[in-house]
Amino acid sequence: MKLTIAQDIYDDMVKHCIEGLPNEACGFLAGPRDGSASHIYPLTNAAASPVFYRPADREMIAAFSDMDQNDTDLVAIFHSHVATDPYPSPTDRREAHYPDAVYLIVSLTDPDAPRTKGYLIHKADWRDEDGKIEEVDLVIS
C-alpha cells in the first residue's frame, strides 16, 4: 500500500510536530479513500507527554464532524516520537484502534532532519495488545 501526501500538508504536519516539543504532537489526515491525504487536522495532545499522545476529545470530535461534512475519511493518524525512531512502540500498537488508517510517525530525534514513516497495524480485534505491522510507502508530492 502507499499513501500520497501533498507537500504542503506534509510540511504542516511536521511543523505541528516540531511545535509540540518537548511533548509528542498528534493529528489526523483526511481525504478520499484512494490512498491520498488532502486535509490536515492538527490536534492538541491532551496527555501533554513526551512519551504518549491522546488527541483532545472535543478537537477529535470536531475533526470527524468536519470529515463527514466534507465527505472525506480518516486516512492517517500522525504523531511524533521526540526521542526514538519512527517505528510503532508497544503503546502505539496497543492503542491502534483504526485498522484502515495509516499510522504516521514523525521522528524528531534530530528536529532539523525529521524522519517520517507510515504503517498499517493489523489486529484481530481492536482490543488486542499487539498487531502485525506493515510499512506503507509514503509519497510526498
N, C-alpha and C. Protein backbone atom coordinates (compact mmCIF):
# COMPACT_ATOMS: atom_id res chain seq x y z
N MET A 1 0.85 -1.19 0.00
CA MET A 1 0.00 0.00 0.00
C MET A 1 0.88 1.24 0.00
N LYS A 2 0.32 2.31 -0.54
CA LYS A 2 1.03 3.59 -0.49
C LYS A 2 0.05 4.70 -0.09
N LEU A 3 0.61 5.73 0.52
CA LEU A 3 -0.15 6.90 0.91
C LEU A 3 0.52 8.11 0.30
N THR A 4 -0.26 8.90 -0.44
CA THR A 4 0.25 10.12 -1.07
C THR A 4 -0.20 11.32 -0.24
N ILE A 5 0.77 12.15 0.12
CA ILE A 5 0.50 13.34 0.93
C ILE A 5 1.03 14.55 0.17
N ALA A 6 0.18 15.55 0.01
CA ALA A 6 0.62 16.79 -0.65
C ALA A 6 1.73 17.42 0.18
N GLN A 7 2.68 18.04 -0.49
CA GLN A 7 3.85 18.62 0.19
C GLN A 7 3.44 19.61 1.27
N ASP A 8 2.44 20.48 0.99
CA ASP A 8 2.05 21.48 1.99
C ASP A 8 1.44 20.84 3.22
N ILE A 9 0.69 19.77 3.04
CA ILE A 9 0.09 19.07 4.18
C ILE A 9 1.18 18.37 4.98
N TYR A 10 2.12 17.74 4.27
CA TYR A 10 3.24 17.10 4.95
C TYR A 10 4.04 18.13 5.76
N ASP A 11 4.32 19.28 5.14
CA ASP A 11 5.08 20.33 5.84
C ASP A 11 4.33 20.82 7.07
N ASP A 12 3.00 20.98 6.97
CA ASP A 12 2.20 21.42 8.12
C ASP A 12 2.22 20.37 9.23
N MET A 13 2.20 19.09 8.85
CA MET A 13 2.25 18.01 9.83
C MET A 13 3.57 18.04 10.59
N VAL A 14 4.67 18.14 9.88
CA VAL A 14 5.99 18.17 10.52
C VAL A 14 6.12 19.42 11.39
N LYS A 15 5.64 20.56 10.90
CA LYS A 15 5.69 21.80 11.68
C LYS A 15 4.91 21.65 12.99
N HIS A 16 3.72 21.05 12.91
CA HIS A 16 2.91 20.84 14.11
C HIS A 16 3.66 19.95 15.11
N CYS A 17 4.34 18.93 14.61
CA CYS A 17 5.10 18.04 15.48
C CYS A 17 6.25 18.77 16.15
N ILE A 18 6.96 19.58 15.40
CA ILE A 18 8.08 20.35 15.97
C ILE A 18 7.57 21.35 17.00
N GLU A 19 6.46 22.00 16.69
CA GLU A 19 5.88 22.97 17.64
C GLU A 19 5.42 22.31 18.93
N GLY A 20 5.15 21.01 18.89
CA GLY A 20 4.70 20.29 20.08
C GLY A 20 5.80 19.94 21.06
N LEU A 21 7.06 20.08 20.62
CA LEU A 21 8.17 19.74 21.50
C LEU A 21 8.10 20.55 22.79
N PRO A 22 8.42 20.01 23.94
CA PRO A 22 9.12 18.74 24.14
C PRO A 22 8.20 17.53 24.20
N ASN A 23 6.90 17.73 23.99
CA ASN A 23 5.95 16.63 24.05
C ASN A 23 5.67 16.07 22.66
N GLU A 24 5.06 14.89 22.63
CA GLU A 24 4.58 14.36 21.36
C GLU A 24 3.44 15.24 20.87
N ALA A 25 3.33 15.34 19.56
CA ALA A 25 2.21 16.04 18.93
C ALA A 25 1.40 14.99 18.17
N CYS A 26 0.17 15.36 17.80
CA CYS A 26 -0.68 14.38 17.10
C CYS A 26 -1.69 15.10 16.21
N GLY A 27 -2.32 14.31 15.37
CA GLY A 27 -3.36 14.84 14.49
C GLY A 27 -3.84 13.80 13.51
N PHE A 28 -4.73 14.24 12.64
CA PHE A 28 -5.32 13.37 11.61
C PHE A 28 -5.03 13.93 10.23
N LEU A 29 -4.99 13.04 9.26
CA LEU A 29 -5.02 13.41 7.85
C LEU A 29 -6.27 12.77 7.27
N ALA A 30 -6.97 13.52 6.44
CA ALA A 30 -8.19 13.03 5.84
C ALA A 30 -8.11 13.17 4.32
N GLY A 31 -8.98 12.44 3.65
CA GLY A 31 -9.05 12.52 2.20
C GLY A 31 -10.01 11.47 1.67
N PRO A 32 -10.06 11.35 0.37
CA PRO A 32 -10.88 10.29 -0.22
C PRO A 32 -10.22 8.93 0.05
N ARG A 33 -10.96 7.87 -0.03
CA ARG A 33 -10.40 6.53 0.23
C ARG A 33 -9.62 6.03 -0.99
N ASP A 34 -8.73 6.86 -1.50
CA ASP A 34 -7.96 6.45 -2.68
C ASP A 34 -6.46 6.43 -2.41
N GLY A 35 -6.11 6.47 -1.11
CA GLY A 35 -4.70 6.44 -0.77
C GLY A 35 -4.04 7.80 -0.80
N SER A 36 -4.83 8.87 -0.64
CA SER A 36 -4.24 10.21 -0.62
C SER A 36 -4.82 11.01 0.54
N ALA A 37 -4.00 11.92 1.03
CA ALA A 37 -4.42 12.80 2.12
C ALA A 37 -4.56 14.22 1.57
N SER A 38 -5.71 14.83 1.79
CA SER A 38 -5.98 16.16 1.25
C SER A 38 -6.25 17.21 2.31
N HIS A 39 -6.29 16.79 3.58
CA HIS A 39 -6.59 17.74 4.65
C HIS A 39 -5.90 17.31 5.93
N ILE A 40 -5.44 18.29 6.71
CA ILE A 40 -4.79 18.00 7.99
C ILE A 40 -5.62 18.57 9.12
N TYR A 41 -5.66 17.82 10.20
CA TYR A 41 -6.31 18.25 11.44
C TYR A 41 -5.26 18.17 12.55
N PRO A 42 -4.51 19.24 12.79
CA PRO A 42 -3.58 19.23 13.92
C PRO A 42 -4.39 19.21 15.21
N LEU A 43 -4.10 18.31 16.11
CA LEU A 43 -4.84 18.17 17.35
C LEU A 43 -3.93 18.42 18.55
N THR A 44 -4.52 18.83 19.64
CA THR A 44 -3.79 19.01 20.88
C THR A 44 -3.55 17.65 21.53
N ASN A 45 -2.33 17.43 21.98
CA ASN A 45 -2.04 16.23 22.75
C ASN A 45 -2.50 16.48 24.18
N ALA A 46 -3.68 15.97 24.53
CA ALA A 46 -4.24 16.20 25.86
C ALA A 46 -3.41 15.53 26.95
N ALA A 47 -2.59 14.55 26.59
CA ALA A 47 -1.73 13.90 27.57
C ALA A 47 -0.54 14.78 27.94
N ALA A 48 -0.19 15.73 27.08
CA ALA A 48 0.95 16.63 27.31
C ALA A 48 2.16 15.85 27.81
N SER A 49 2.54 14.83 27.03
CA SER A 49 3.60 13.91 27.44
C SER A 49 4.63 13.73 26.32
N PRO A 50 5.89 13.55 26.67
CA PRO A 50 6.90 13.27 25.65
C PRO A 50 6.93 11.80 25.21
N VAL A 51 6.12 10.94 25.84
CA VAL A 51 6.15 9.52 25.51
C VAL A 51 4.77 8.94 25.16
N PHE A 52 3.75 9.77 25.13
CA PHE A 52 2.39 9.28 24.89
C PHE A 52 1.56 10.41 24.31
N TYR A 53 0.60 10.06 23.45
CA TYR A 53 -0.31 11.08 22.96
C TYR A 53 -1.75 10.62 23.13
N ARG A 54 -2.61 11.58 23.34
CA ARG A 54 -4.05 11.36 23.39
C ARG A 54 -4.70 12.59 22.80
N PRO A 55 -5.30 12.46 21.60
CA PRO A 55 -5.93 13.63 20.99
C PRO A 55 -7.02 14.21 21.89
N ALA A 56 -7.08 15.52 21.95
CA ALA A 56 -8.11 16.20 22.74
C ALA A 56 -9.49 15.81 22.21
N ASP A 57 -10.36 15.40 23.13
CA ASP A 57 -11.66 14.85 22.75
C ASP A 57 -12.49 15.78 21.86
N ARG A 58 -12.66 17.02 22.27
CA ARG A 58 -13.51 17.94 21.50
C ARG A 58 -12.94 18.20 20.11
N GLU A 59 -11.62 18.33 20.02
CA GLU A 59 -10.98 18.56 18.72
C GLU A 59 -11.14 17.33 17.82
N MET A 60 -11.03 16.15 18.42
CA MET A 60 -11.18 14.92 17.65
C MET A 60 -12.62 14.81 17.11
N ILE A 61 -13.58 15.08 17.95
CA ILE A 61 -14.99 15.04 17.51
C ILE A 61 -15.25 16.06 16.42
N ALA A 62 -14.70 17.27 16.57
CA ALA A 62 -14.87 18.31 15.55
C ALA A 62 -14.22 17.88 14.23
N ALA A 63 -13.06 17.23 14.31
CA ALA A 63 -12.40 16.77 13.08
C ALA A 63 -13.25 15.73 12.36
N PHE A 64 -13.78 14.75 13.11
CA PHE A 64 -14.63 13.73 12.48
C PHE A 64 -15.91 14.35 11.91
N SER A 65 -16.46 15.33 12.58
CA SER A 65 -17.65 16.02 12.07
C SER A 65 -17.33 16.75 10.76
N ASP A 66 -16.18 17.42 10.73
CA ASP A 66 -15.76 18.11 9.51
C ASP A 66 -15.53 17.13 8.36
N MET A 67 -14.93 15.98 8.67
CA MET A 67 -14.73 14.95 7.63
C MET A 67 -16.07 14.50 7.07
N ASP A 68 -17.06 14.29 7.95
CA ASP A 68 -18.40 13.88 7.50
C ASP A 68 -19.01 14.94 6.59
N GLN A 69 -18.90 16.21 6.99
CA GLN A 69 -19.48 17.30 6.21
C GLN A 69 -18.81 17.46 4.86
N ASN A 70 -17.52 17.12 4.78
CA ASN A 70 -16.77 17.27 3.53
C ASN A 70 -16.62 15.97 2.76
N ASP A 71 -17.34 14.93 3.20
CA ASP A 71 -17.34 13.63 2.53
C ASP A 71 -15.92 13.10 2.34
N THR A 72 -15.12 13.21 3.41
CA THR A 72 -13.78 12.64 3.42
C THR A 72 -13.69 11.63 4.56
N ASP A 73 -12.63 10.85 4.52
CA ASP A 73 -12.43 9.81 5.52
C ASP A 73 -11.10 10.03 6.24
N LEU A 74 -11.00 9.45 7.41
CA LEU A 74 -9.73 9.42 8.12
C LEU A 74 -8.80 8.49 7.35
N VAL A 75 -7.70 9.02 6.84
CA VAL A 75 -6.75 8.17 6.12
C VAL A 75 -5.48 7.93 6.90
N ALA A 76 -5.15 8.82 7.86
CA ALA A 76 -3.94 8.64 8.65
C ALA A 76 -4.08 9.32 10.00
N ILE A 77 -3.43 8.72 10.98
CA ILE A 77 -3.28 9.29 12.31
C ILE A 77 -1.79 9.52 12.47
N PHE A 78 -1.42 10.76 12.77
CA PHE A 78 0.01 11.03 12.92
C PHE A 78 0.34 11.44 14.35
N HIS A 79 1.57 11.13 14.72
CA HIS A 79 2.11 11.62 15.98
C HIS A 79 3.62 11.62 15.88
N SER A 80 4.24 12.31 16.82
CA SER A 80 5.70 12.40 16.80
C SER A 80 6.30 11.50 17.88
N HIS A 81 7.52 11.09 17.60
CA HIS A 81 8.37 10.47 18.61
C HIS A 81 9.50 11.47 18.85
N VAL A 82 9.62 11.94 20.06
CA VAL A 82 10.59 13.00 20.32
C VAL A 82 12.01 12.48 20.51
N ALA A 83 12.15 11.20 20.86
CA ALA A 83 13.50 10.69 21.16
C ALA A 83 13.76 9.29 20.59
N THR A 84 12.85 8.79 19.76
CA THR A 84 13.02 7.45 19.20
C THR A 84 12.75 7.45 17.71
N ASP A 85 13.12 6.34 17.08
CA ASP A 85 12.93 6.18 15.64
C ASP A 85 11.45 6.14 15.27
N PRO A 86 11.15 6.35 13.99
CA PRO A 86 9.76 6.33 13.55
C PRO A 86 9.25 4.90 13.33
N TYR A 87 9.04 4.19 14.44
CA TYR A 87 8.54 2.82 14.42
C TYR A 87 7.54 2.68 15.56
N PRO A 88 6.42 1.97 15.34
CA PRO A 88 5.39 1.87 16.38
C PRO A 88 5.91 1.24 17.67
N SER A 89 5.75 1.97 18.75
CA SER A 89 6.12 1.48 20.07
C SER A 89 5.06 0.48 20.54
N PRO A 90 5.33 -0.25 21.62
CA PRO A 90 4.29 -1.13 22.17
C PRO A 90 3.00 -0.37 22.50
N THR A 91 3.14 0.86 23.01
CA THR A 91 1.95 1.68 23.29
C THR A 91 1.22 2.02 22.00
N ASP A 92 1.97 2.40 20.95
CA ASP A 92 1.34 2.71 19.66
C ASP A 92 0.55 1.52 19.14
N ARG A 93 1.12 0.33 19.27
CA ARG A 93 0.44 -0.87 18.77
C ARG A 93 -0.79 -1.18 19.61
N ARG A 94 -0.68 -1.04 20.91
CA ARG A 94 -1.81 -1.32 21.80
C ARG A 94 -2.96 -0.34 21.55
N GLU A 95 -2.63 0.93 21.29
CA GLU A 95 -3.64 1.96 21.13
C GLU A 95 -4.14 2.12 19.69
N ALA A 96 -3.70 1.26 18.79
CA ALA A 96 -4.13 1.35 17.38
C ALA A 96 -5.55 0.78 17.24
N HIS A 97 -6.52 1.67 17.12
CA HIS A 97 -7.93 1.27 17.09
C HIS A 97 -8.60 1.49 15.75
N TYR A 98 -7.87 1.98 14.75
CA TYR A 98 -8.44 2.27 13.44
C TYR A 98 -7.71 1.44 12.39
N PRO A 99 -8.22 0.26 12.06
CA PRO A 99 -7.49 -0.67 11.18
C PRO A 99 -7.26 -0.17 9.76
N ASP A 100 -8.08 0.76 9.29
CA ASP A 100 -7.93 1.26 7.92
C ASP A 100 -7.06 2.50 7.84
N ALA A 101 -6.69 3.06 8.96
CA ALA A 101 -5.88 4.28 8.97
C ALA A 101 -4.40 3.93 8.95
N VAL A 102 -3.63 4.74 8.24
CA VAL A 102 -2.18 4.63 8.28
C VAL A 102 -1.71 5.38 9.52
N TYR A 103 -0.82 4.75 10.26
CA TYR A 103 -0.23 5.40 11.43
C TYR A 103 1.10 6.00 11.00
N LEU A 104 1.14 7.33 10.98
CA LEU A 104 2.35 8.06 10.60
C LEU A 104 3.11 8.47 11.85
N ILE A 105 4.41 8.22 11.84
CA ILE A 105 5.24 8.60 12.98
C ILE A 105 6.34 9.51 12.47
N VAL A 106 6.40 10.70 13.06
CA VAL A 106 7.43 11.69 12.71
C VAL A 106 8.48 11.64 13.82
N SER A 107 9.67 11.15 13.49
CA SER A 107 10.74 11.09 14.47
C SER A 107 11.47 12.42 14.51
N LEU A 108 11.57 12.96 15.73
CA LEU A 108 12.25 14.24 15.94
C LEU A 108 13.54 14.06 16.73
N THR A 109 14.18 12.89 16.57
CA THR A 109 15.46 12.69 17.25
C THR A 109 16.45 13.77 16.80
N ASP A 110 16.29 14.24 15.56
CA ASP A 110 17.02 15.41 15.06
C ASP A 110 15.97 16.35 14.46
N PRO A 111 15.51 17.35 15.23
CA PRO A 111 14.44 18.23 14.74
C PRO A 111 14.79 18.96 13.44
N ASP A 112 16.06 19.07 13.13
CA ASP A 112 16.46 19.71 11.87
C ASP A 112 16.34 18.77 10.68
N ALA A 113 16.16 17.48 10.96
CA ALA A 113 16.02 16.49 9.88
C ALA A 113 15.00 15.43 10.31
N PRO A 114 13.71 15.82 10.43
CA PRO A 114 12.68 14.86 10.84
C PRO A 114 12.58 13.70 9.84
N ARG A 115 12.28 12.53 10.37
CA ARG A 115 12.07 11.34 9.53
C ARG A 115 10.66 10.83 9.78
N THR A 116 9.94 10.52 8.70
CA THR A 116 8.56 10.06 8.81
C THR A 116 8.40 8.71 8.13
N LYS A 117 7.70 7.81 8.81
CA LYS A 117 7.34 6.52 8.23
C LYS A 117 5.88 6.25 8.55
N GLY A 118 5.26 5.43 7.70
CA GLY A 118 3.86 5.09 7.89
C GLY A 118 3.66 3.59 7.98
N TYR A 119 2.64 3.19 8.74
CA TYR A 119 2.39 1.77 8.98
C TYR A 119 0.89 1.51 9.06
N LEU A 120 0.52 0.32 8.63
CA LEU A 120 -0.78 -0.24 8.97
C LEU A 120 -0.53 -1.19 10.12
N ILE A 121 -1.43 -1.21 11.07
CA ILE A 121 -1.30 -2.11 12.21
C ILE A 121 -2.52 -3.02 12.18
N HIS A 122 -2.27 -4.27 11.80
CA HIS A 122 -3.34 -5.27 11.63
C HIS A 122 -3.54 -6.03 12.94
N LYS A 123 -4.79 -5.99 13.44
CA LYS A 123 -5.12 -6.68 14.68
C LYS A 123 -6.38 -7.52 14.44
N ALA A 124 -6.46 -8.65 15.11
CA ALA A 124 -7.67 -9.48 15.00
C ALA A 124 -8.86 -8.75 15.62
N ASP A 125 -8.58 -7.98 16.67
CA ASP A 125 -9.61 -7.24 17.38
C ASP A 125 -8.98 -5.94 17.87
N TRP A 126 -9.71 -4.83 17.85
CA TRP A 126 -9.14 -3.54 18.23
C TRP A 126 -8.64 -3.53 19.67
N ARG A 127 -9.13 -4.45 20.49
CA ARG A 127 -8.70 -4.50 21.90
C ARG A 127 -7.40 -5.27 22.10
N ASP A 128 -6.90 -5.91 21.03
CA ASP A 128 -5.65 -6.67 21.14
C ASP A 128 -4.51 -5.75 21.56
N GLU A 129 -3.57 -6.32 22.29
CA GLU A 129 -2.40 -5.57 22.77
C GLU A 129 -1.38 -5.31 21.68
N ASP A 130 -1.35 -6.15 20.66
CA ASP A 130 -0.33 -6.05 19.64
C ASP A 130 -0.96 -6.36 18.29
N GLY A 131 -0.19 -6.16 17.24
CA GLY A 131 -0.68 -6.45 15.90
C GLY A 131 0.47 -6.59 14.92
N LYS A 132 0.14 -7.08 13.76
CA LYS A 132 1.14 -7.21 12.70
C LYS A 132 1.36 -5.84 12.08
N ILE A 133 2.62 -5.47 11.92
CA ILE A 133 2.97 -4.14 11.40
C ILE A 133 3.37 -4.27 9.95
N GLU A 134 2.75 -3.45 9.10
CA GLU A 134 3.06 -3.41 7.67
C GLU A 134 3.47 -1.99 7.31
N GLU A 135 4.68 -1.82 6.80
CA GLU A 135 5.13 -0.48 6.41
C GLU A 135 4.40 -0.06 5.13
N VAL A 136 4.06 1.22 5.08
CA VAL A 136 3.34 1.82 3.96
C VAL A 136 4.31 2.74 3.22
N ASP A 137 4.31 2.67 1.90
CA ASP A 137 5.14 3.59 1.10
C ASP A 137 4.52 4.98 1.16
N LEU A 138 5.31 5.97 1.52
CA LEU A 138 4.85 7.35 1.54
C LEU A 138 5.35 8.09 0.32
N VAL A 139 4.43 8.79 -0.33
CA VAL A 139 4.78 9.62 -1.48
C VAL A 139 4.41 11.05 -1.12
N ILE A 140 5.43 11.91 -1.05
CA ILE A 140 5.19 13.31 -0.74
C ILE A 140 5.27 14.06 -2.05
N SER A 141 4.14 14.66 -2.46
CA SER A 141 4.11 15.30 -3.80
C SER A 141 3.74 16.76 -3.74
